[in-house]
């Protein structure tokens, strides 16, 4: 697990700032490499830091419409993820993908035996090196009411999976 945390730290260090572009090398400063949406998401650990409703009002992270989404998220290069509460208790783990256009994230939560527990497709409203926000609909079938769940990068190390 230590090498994975080190690799995540190195990736995060390489993706500081709001831009998703980094110099290709020191010898060619005018060239740059653009990260795809999956690379942006996996470049850092994320912490839930806010929530906003469809009217732009802040929603408390303890609110029924937001509290299930609060915690730390680690999207690993290669398509696996783990999520923890803010108290470092395991929430879920499984597989993830982001669409090539960066508009949706798909997760497949799995139990310890690898059996699928559920799948969730979420609309991404922001995905940069500084913010990852996706939309949640508290009332199934009602897209007039929603909560945007806001995450920002964190240096919080992923808890050990014992």
Foldseek 3Di string as FASTA:
>chain_A
DVVQLVQLVVLLVQADDFAQWGAPDPVCRVDIDGDFLLSLQQNFKKFFDWKAKPVRHTDDCPDPQHVLPGFIKHQHPPFKIWTAHPVLHTDFIAGWDAPRVRQKIKGFTADPVRHTPDIDIWGWPDGTNAKTWTKDAPDPPDPSIIMITIIGGDSDGRDDDD
